[in-house]
Amino acid sequence: MSAVNPYTPPRAAVSDVESAATHFSEPKVWSASGRIGRARYLAYLMVGYLVLIAAFILLGAMAGVSGSPTLAGVGVFLAFTPYLVLSVLCGIQRAHDMDWSGWSVFLLLIPFVAFVWLLKSGTPGENRYGAPPPPNGTGVVVAAWLTLGIPVIIGILAAISLPAYQKYVMRAKAAQMQQQQSQPAPQPQ
């Protein structure tokens, strides 16, 4: 009786299967080289945007306390510049994932072309810009879904609150008109 199971898979290393399954590029946030996938692209931009909003709130509070609009203008410029750099670098890496040149990031200036960066999948396996991006973790997936979900939530809230606000404005105007009609007209002296 043989101790070797005839149904076990071969133990030889198969280069195209093993390298595709284990070799991923390391994600780099502040670099123009490498590749990132769609979810990581959305997640990086969302986290950067939330940091930018927090910086704007802090700068607005500081400018309000100091009473200096110049401080607010300079602060907004200093806070927005890193976010702009981050979005360009992430756009370049996303273009690399689609096997496009980094110069194609200028296409993002055209309205609705940015949807290509979100809808087109990256090239499978290695391309001329490196190994494929790593699989997405839970944090990346949650941040990407937040990026897509926040506009939907805001839209739903706006659809509910705008008609209610319009009814409130109409009732307030009607009450104001009724109040003006019930007051006696001032007598000329």
C-alpha atoms as a PDB file:
ATOM      1  CA  MET A   1       0.000   0.000   0.000  1.00  0.00           C
ATOM      2  CA  SER A   2       1.344   3.418  -1.005  1.00  0.00           C
ATOM      3  CA  ALA A   3       1.486   6.345   1.455  1.00  0.00           C
ATOM      4  CA  VAL A   4       1.158   8.933  -1.333  1.00  0.00           C
ATOM      5  CA  ASN A   5      -2.359  10.118  -2.111  1.00  0.00           C
ATOM      6  CA  PRO A   6      -2.870  10.081  -5.890  1.00  0.00           C
ATOM      7  CA  TYR A   7      -5.407  12.939  -5.642  1.00  0.00           C
ATOM      8  CA  THR A   8      -3.138  15.570  -4.035  1.00  0.00           C
ATOM      9  CA  PRO A   9      -2.303  18.572  -6.201  1.00  0.00           C
ATOM     10  CA  PRO A  10       1.228  18.805  -7.589  1.00  0.00           C
ATOM     11  CA  ARG A  11       3.719  20.632  -5.383  1.00  0.00           C
ATOM     12  CA  ALA A  12       5.625  22.227  -8.236  1.00  0.00           C
ATOM     13  CA  ALA A  13       5.667  26.037  -8.294  1.00  0.00           C
ATOM     14  CA  VAL A  14       3.679  27.374 -11.214  1.00  0.00           C
ATOM     15  CA  SER A  15       5.001  30.869 -11.944  1.00  0.00           C
ATOM     16  CA  ASP A  16       1.956  32.474 -13.564  1.00  0.00           C
ATOM     17  CA  VAL A  17      -0.459  31.314 -10.855  1.00  0.00           C
ATOM     18  CA  GLU A  18       1.730  31.880  -7.835  1.00  0.00           C
ATOM     19  CA  SER A  19       3.052  35.328  -8.823  1.00  0.00           C
ATOM     20  CA  ALA A  20      -0.401  36.658  -9.686  1.00  0.00           C
ATOM     21  CA  ALA A  21      -1.824  35.494  -6.384  1.00  0.00           C
ATOM     22  CA  THR A  22       0.912  36.685  -4.027  1.00  0.00           C
ATOM     23  CA  HIS A  23       2.658  39.680  -5.586  1.00  0.00           C
ATOM     24  CA  PHE A  24       0.961  43.025  -5.052  1.00  0.00           C
ATOM     25  CA  SER A  25       2.262  46.561  -5.152  1.00  0.00           C
ATOM     26  CA  GLU A  26       2.461  48.477  -1.910  1.00  0.00           C
ATOM     27  CA  PRO A  27      -0.042  51.371  -1.777  1.00  0.00           C
ATOM     28  CA  LYS A  28       1.677  54.747  -1.575  1.00  0.00           C
ATOM     29  CA  VAL A  29      -0.455  57.778  -0.810  1.00  0.00           C
ATOM     30  CA  TRP A  30       1.998  60.586  -1.598  1.00  0.00           C
ATOM     31  CA  SER A  31       3.542  59.152  -4.769  1.00  0.00           C
ATOM     32  CA  ALA A  32       2.852  59.371  -8.484  1.00  0.00           C
ATOM     33  CA  SER A  33       4.184  55.862  -9.105  1.00  0.00           C
ATOM     34  CA  GLY A  34       2.306  52.652  -8.526  1.00  0.00           C
ATOM     35  CA  ARG A  35      -1.321  51.631  -8.877  1.00  0.00           C
ATOM     36  CA  ILE A  36      -4.476  51.931  -6.793  1.00  0.00           C
ATOM     37  CA  GLY A  37      -7.892  50.438  -7.442  1.00  0.00           C
ATOM     38  CA  ARG A  38     -11.273  52.147  -7.578  1.00  0.00           C
ATOM     39  CA  ALA A  39     -12.240  51.589  -3.954  1.00  0.00           C
ATOM     40  CA  ARG A  40      -8.880  52.763  -2.616  1.00  0.00           C
ATOM     41  CA  TYR A  41      -9.056  55.812  -4.918  1.00  0.00           C
ATOM     42  CA  LEU A  42     -12.463  56.743  -3.493  1.00  0.00           C
ATOM     43  CA  ALA A  43     -11.352  56.017   0.066  1.00  0.00           C
ATOM     44  CA  TYR A  44      -8.210  58.165  -0.137  1.00  0.00           C
ATOM     45  CA  LEU A  45     -10.134  61.085  -1.618  1.00  0.00           C
ATOM     46  CA  MET A  46     -12.906  60.752   0.986  1.00  0.00           C
ATOM     47  CA  VAL A  47     -10.526  60.691   3.945  1.00  0.00           C
ATOM     48  CA  GLY A  48      -8.616  63.641   2.467  1.00  0.00           C
ATOM     49  CA  TYR A  49     -11.880  65.521   1.969  1.00  0.00           C
ATOM     50  CA  LEU A  50     -12.961  64.912   5.568  1.00  0.00           C
ATOM     51  CA  VAL A  51      -9.593  66.183   6.801  1.00  0.00           C
ATOM     52  CA  LEU A  52     -10.007  69.229   4.540  1.00  0.00           C
ATOM     53  CA  ILE A  53     -13.482  69.951   5.966  1.00  0.00           C
ATOM     54  CA  ALA A  54     -12.126  69.650   9.517  1.00  0.00           C
ATOM     55  CA  ALA A  55      -9.306  72.064   8.620  1.00  0.00           C
ATOM     56  CA  PHE A  56     -11.812  74.525   7.130  1.00  0.00           C
ATOM     57  CA  ILE A  57     -13.913  74.414  10.293  1.00  0.00           C
ATOM     58  CA  LEU A  58     -10.857  74.977  12.461  1.00  0.00           C
ATOM     59  CA  LEU A  59      -9.599  77.805  10.256  1.00  0.00           C
ATOM     60  CA  GLY A  60     -13.040  79.413  10.185  1.00  0.00           C
ATOM     61  CA  ALA A  61     -13.215  79.340  13.965  1.00  0.00           C
ATOM     62  CA  MET A  62      -9.714  80.818  14.252  1.00  0.00           C
ATOM     63  CA  ALA A  63     -10.537  83.546  11.737  1.00  0.00           C
ATOM     64  CA  GLY A  64     -13.806  84.307  13.527  1.00  0.00           C
ATOM     65  CA  VAL A  65     -12.086  84.636  16.887  1.00  0.00           C
ATOM     66  CA  SER A  66      -9.232  86.743  15.523  1.00  0.00           C
ATOM     67  CA  GLY A  67     -11.473  88.795  13.207  1.00  0.00           C
ATOM     68  CA  SER A  68      -8.930  88.540  10.401  1.00  0.00           C
ATOM     69  CA  PRO A  69     -10.265  87.602   6.965  1.00  0.00           C
ATOM     70  CA  THR A  70      -6.682  87.504   5.670  1.00  0.00           C
ATOM     71  CA  LEU A  71      -5.896  84.691   8.075  1.00  0.00           C
ATOM     72  CA  ALA A  72      -8.891  82.775   6.760  1.00  0.00           C
ATOM     73  CA  GLY A  73      -7.861  83.245   3.117  1.00  0.00           C
ATOM     74  CA  VAL A  74      -4.277  82.162   3.704  1.00  0.00           C
ATOM     75  CA  GLY A  75      -5.431  79.250   5.834  1.00  0.00           C
ATOM     76  CA  VAL A  76      -7.874  78.034   3.201  1.00  0.00           C
ATOM     77  CA  PHE A  77      -5.127  78.154   0.576  1.00  0.00           C
ATOM     78  CA  LEU A  78      -2.717  76.263   2.843  1.00  0.00           C
ATOM     79  CA  ALA A  79      -5.339  73.622   3.681  1.00  0.00           C
ATOM     80  CA  PHE A  80      -6.579  73.149   0.110  1.00  0.00           C
ATOM     81  CA  THR A  81      -3.136  72.763  -1.487  1.00  0.00           C
ATOM     82  CA  PRO A  82      -2.314  69.361   0.093  1.00  0.00           C
ATOM     83  CA  TYR A  83      -5.767  68.058  -0.839  1.00  0.00           C
ATOM     84  CA  LEU A  84      -5.266  69.159  -4.433  1.00  0.00           C
ATOM     85  CA  VAL A  85      -1.864  67.425  -4.536  1.00  0.00           C
ATOM     86  CA  LEU A  86      -3.394  64.286  -2.996  1.00  0.00           C
ATOM     87  CA  SER A  87      -6.197  64.181  -5.554  1.00  0.00           C
ATOM     88  CA  VAL A  88      -3.780  64.600  -8.476  1.00  0.00           C
ATOM     89  CA  LEU A  89      -1.416  61.896  -7.170  1.00  0.00           C
ATOM     90  CA  CYS A  90      -4.310  59.490  -6.554  1.00  0.00           C
ATOM     91  CA  GLY A  91      -5.666  60.250 -10.028  1.00  0.00           C
ATOM     92  CA  ILE A  92      -2.275  59.432 -11.559  1.00  0.00           C
ATOM     93  CA  GLN A  93      -2.073  56.139  -9.681  1.00  0.00           C
ATOM     94  CA  ARG A  94      -5.635  55.289 -10.719  1.00  0.00           C
ATOM     95  CA  ALA A  95      -4.721  56.044 -14.354  1.00  0.00           C
ATOM     96  CA  HIS A  96      -1.733  53.717 -13.975  1.00  0.00           C
ATOM     97  CA  ASP A  97      -4.093  50.982 -12.775  1.00  0.00           C
ATOM     98  CA  MET A  98      -6.044  51.369 -16.024  1.00  0.00           C
ATOM     99  CA  ASP A  99      -2.687  51.191 -17.899  1.00  0.00           C
ATOM    100  CA  TRP A 100      -2.937  54.835 -18.945  1.00  0.00           C
ATOM    101  CA  SER A 101      -0.279  57.498 -18.709  1.00  0.00           C
ATOM    102  CA  GLY A 102      -0.280  59.807 -15.704  1.00  0.00           C
ATOM    103  CA  TRP A 103      -0.864  62.722 -18.071  1.00  0.00           C
ATOM    104  CA  SER A 104      -4.382  61.436 -18.647  1.00  0.00           C
ATOM    105  CA  VAL A 105      -5.243  62.901 -15.231  1.00  0.00           C
ATOM    106  CA  PHE A 106      -5.896  66.165 -17.114  1.00  0.00           C
ATOM    107  CA  LEU A 107      -8.989  64.459 -18.530  1.00  0.00           C
ATOM    108  CA  LEU A 108     -10.497  64.840 -15.050  1.00  0.00           C
ATOM    109  CA  LEU A 109     -10.953  68.539 -15.846  1.00  0.00           C
ATOM    110  CA  ILE A 110     -13.637  67.613 -18.382  1.00  0.00           C
ATOM    111  CA  PRO A 111     -17.088  67.240 -16.776  1.00  0.00           C
ATOM    112  CA  PHE A 112     -18.373  63.665 -16.372  1.00  0.00           C
ATOM    113  CA  VAL A 113     -15.076  62.138 -17.548  1.00  0.00           C
ATOM    114  CA  ALA A 114     -14.212  61.527 -13.896  1.00  0.00           C
ATOM    115  CA  PHE A 115     -16.769  58.725 -13.929  1.00  0.00           C
ATOM    116  CA  VAL A 116     -14.310  56.747 -16.062  1.00  0.00           C
ATOM    117  CA  TRP A 117     -11.934  56.709 -13.071  1.00  0.00           C
ATOM    118  CA  LEU A 118     -14.749  55.197 -10.994  1.00  0.00           C
ATOM    119  CA  LEU A 119     -16.346  52.799 -13.468  1.00  0.00           C
ATOM    120  CA  LYS A 120     -13.458  51.370 -15.499  1.00  0.00           C
ATOM    121  CA  SER A 121     -11.735  48.449 -13.868  1.00  0.00           C
ATOM    122  CA  GLY A 122      -7.970  48.204 -13.671  1.00  0.00           C
ATOM    123  CA  THR A 123      -5.902  45.893 -15.786  1.00  0.00           C
ATOM    124  CA  PRO A 124      -5.660  42.405 -14.306  1.00  0.00           C
ATOM    125  CA  GLY A 125      -2.185  41.307 -13.317  1.00  0.00           C
ATOM    126  CA  GLU A 126       0.928  43.348 -13.925  1.00  0.00           C
ATOM    127  CA  ASN A 127       1.075  46.152 -16.439  1.00  0.00           C
ATOM    128  CA  ARG A 128       3.818  48.592 -17.421  1.00  0.00           C
ATOM    129  CA  TYR A 129       3.290  50.553 -14.174  1.00  0.00           C
ATOM    130  CA  GLY A 130       3.827  47.648 -11.804  1.00  0.00           C
ATOM    131  CA  ALA A 131       2.107  44.890  -9.928  1.00  0.00           C
ATOM    132  CA  PRO A 132      -1.632  45.003  -9.255  1.00  0.00           C
ATOM    133  CA  PRO A 133      -2.882  46.879  -6.199  1.00  0.00           C
ATOM    134  CA  PRO A 134      -3.467  44.829  -3.042  1.00  0.00           C
ATOM    135  CA  PRO A 135      -6.930  43.607  -2.115  1.00  0.00           C
ATOM    136  CA  ASN A 136      -9.038  46.153  -0.266  1.00  0.00           C
ATOM    137  CA  GLY A 137      -9.374  45.932   3.488  1.00  0.00           C
ATOM    138  CA  THR A 138     -12.496  46.637   5.479  1.00  0.00           C
ATOM    139  CA  GLY A 139     -11.541  50.270   6.149  1.00  0.00           C
ATOM    140  CA  VAL A 140     -11.031  50.967   2.452  1.00  0.00           C
ATOM    141  CA  VAL A 141     -14.380  49.410   1.547  1.00  0.00           C
ATOM    142  CA  VAL A 142     -16.222  51.334   4.282  1.00  0.00           C
ATOM    143  CA  ALA A 143     -14.626  54.644   3.221  1.00  0.00           C
ATOM    144  CA  ALA A 144     -15.456  53.962  -0.436  1.00  0.00           C
ATOM    145  CA  TRP A 145     -19.091  53.198   0.402  1.00  0.00           C
ATOM    146  CA  LEU A 146     -19.247  56.360   2.494  1.00  0.00           C
ATOM    147  CA  THR A 147     -18.024  58.306  -0.521  1.00  0.00           C
ATOM    148  CA  LEU A 148     -20.858  56.907  -2.577  1.00  0.00           C
ATOM    149  CA  GLY A 149     -23.446  56.963   0.213  1.00  0.00           C
ATOM    150  CA  ILE A 150     -23.077  60.485   1.589  1.00  0.00           C
ATOM    151  CA  PRO A 151     -24.428  62.221  -1.557  1.00  0.00           C
ATOM    152  CA  VAL A 152     -27.364  59.785  -1.580  1.00  0.00           C
ATOM    153  CA  ILE A 153     -28.112  60.496   2.084  1.00  0.00           C
ATOM    154  CA  ILE A 154     -27.862  64.256   1.500  1.00  0.00           C
ATOM    155  CA  GLY A 155     -30.188  63.932  -1.494  1.00  0.00           C
ATOM    156  CA  ILE A 156     -32.764  62.004   0.517  1.00  0.00           C
ATOM    157  CA  LEU A 157     -32.607  64.521   3.363  1.00  0.00           C
ATOM    158  CA  ALA A 158     -32.977  67.398   0.889  1.00  0.00           C
ATOM    159  CA  ALA A 159     -35.947  65.712  -0.789  1.00  0.00           C
ATOM    160  CA  ILE A 160     -37.652  65.414   2.593  1.00  0.00           C
ATOM    161  CA  SER A 161     -36.711  68.771   4.106  1.00  0.00           C
ATOM    162  CA  LEU A 162     -37.206  71.149   1.144  1.00  0.00           C
ATOM    163  CA  PRO A 163     -40.965  70.596   0.768  1.00  0.00           C
ATOM    164  CA  ALA A 164     -41.383  70.887   4.545  1.00  0.00           C
ATOM    165  CA  TYR A 165     -39.434  74.145   4.526  1.00  0.00           C
ATOM    166  CA  GLN A 166     -41.537  75.517   1.660  1.00  0.00           C
ATOM    167  CA  LYS A 167     -44.726  74.740   3.609  1.00  0.00           C
ATOM    168  CA  TYR A 168     -43.259  76.497   6.640  1.00  0.00           C
ATOM    169  CA  VAL A 169     -42.444  79.601   4.569  1.00  0.00           C
ATOM    170  CA  MET A 170     -45.971  79.708   3.133  1.00  0.00           C
ATOM    171  CA  ARG A 171     -47.534  79.385   6.618  1.00  0.00           C
ATOM    172  CA  ALA A 172     -45.230  82.095   7.988  1.00  0.00           C
ATOM    173  CA  LYS A 173     -46.142  84.486   5.151  1.00  0.00           C
ATOM    174  CA  ALA A 174     -49.851  83.772   5.636  1.00  0.00           C
ATOM    175  CA  ALA A 175     -49.564  84.435   9.376  1.00  0.00           C
ATOM    176  CA  GLN A 176     -47.661  87.666   8.705  1.00  0.00           C
ATOM    177  CA  MET A 177     -50.312  88.842   6.229  1.00  0.00           C
ATOM    178  CA  GLN A 178     -53.092  87.979   8.684  1.00  0.00           C
ATOM    179  CA  GLN A 179     -51.296  89.848  11.458  1.00  0.00           C
ATOM    180  CA  GLN A 180     -50.863  92.945   9.254  1.00  0.00           C
ATOM    181  CA  GLN A 181     -54.550  92.910   8.286  1.00  0.00           C
ATOM    182  CA  SER A 182     -55.740  92.607  11.895  1.00  0.00           C
ATOM    183  CA  GLN A 183     -53.693  95.619  13.098  1.00  0.00           C
ATOM    184  CA  PRO A 184     -55.376  98.990  12.754  1.00  0.00           C
ATOM    185  CA  ALA A 185     -53.806 101.414  10.320  1.00  0.00           C
ATOM    186  CA  PRO A 186     -51.746 104.166  12.005  1.00  0.00           C
ATOM    187  CA  GLN A 187     -53.539 107.522  12.224  1.00  0.00           C
ATOM    188  CA  PRO A 188     -51.777 110.475  10.579  1.00  0.00           C
ATOM    189  CA  GLN A 189     -50.995 113.320  12.955  1.00  0.00           C
END
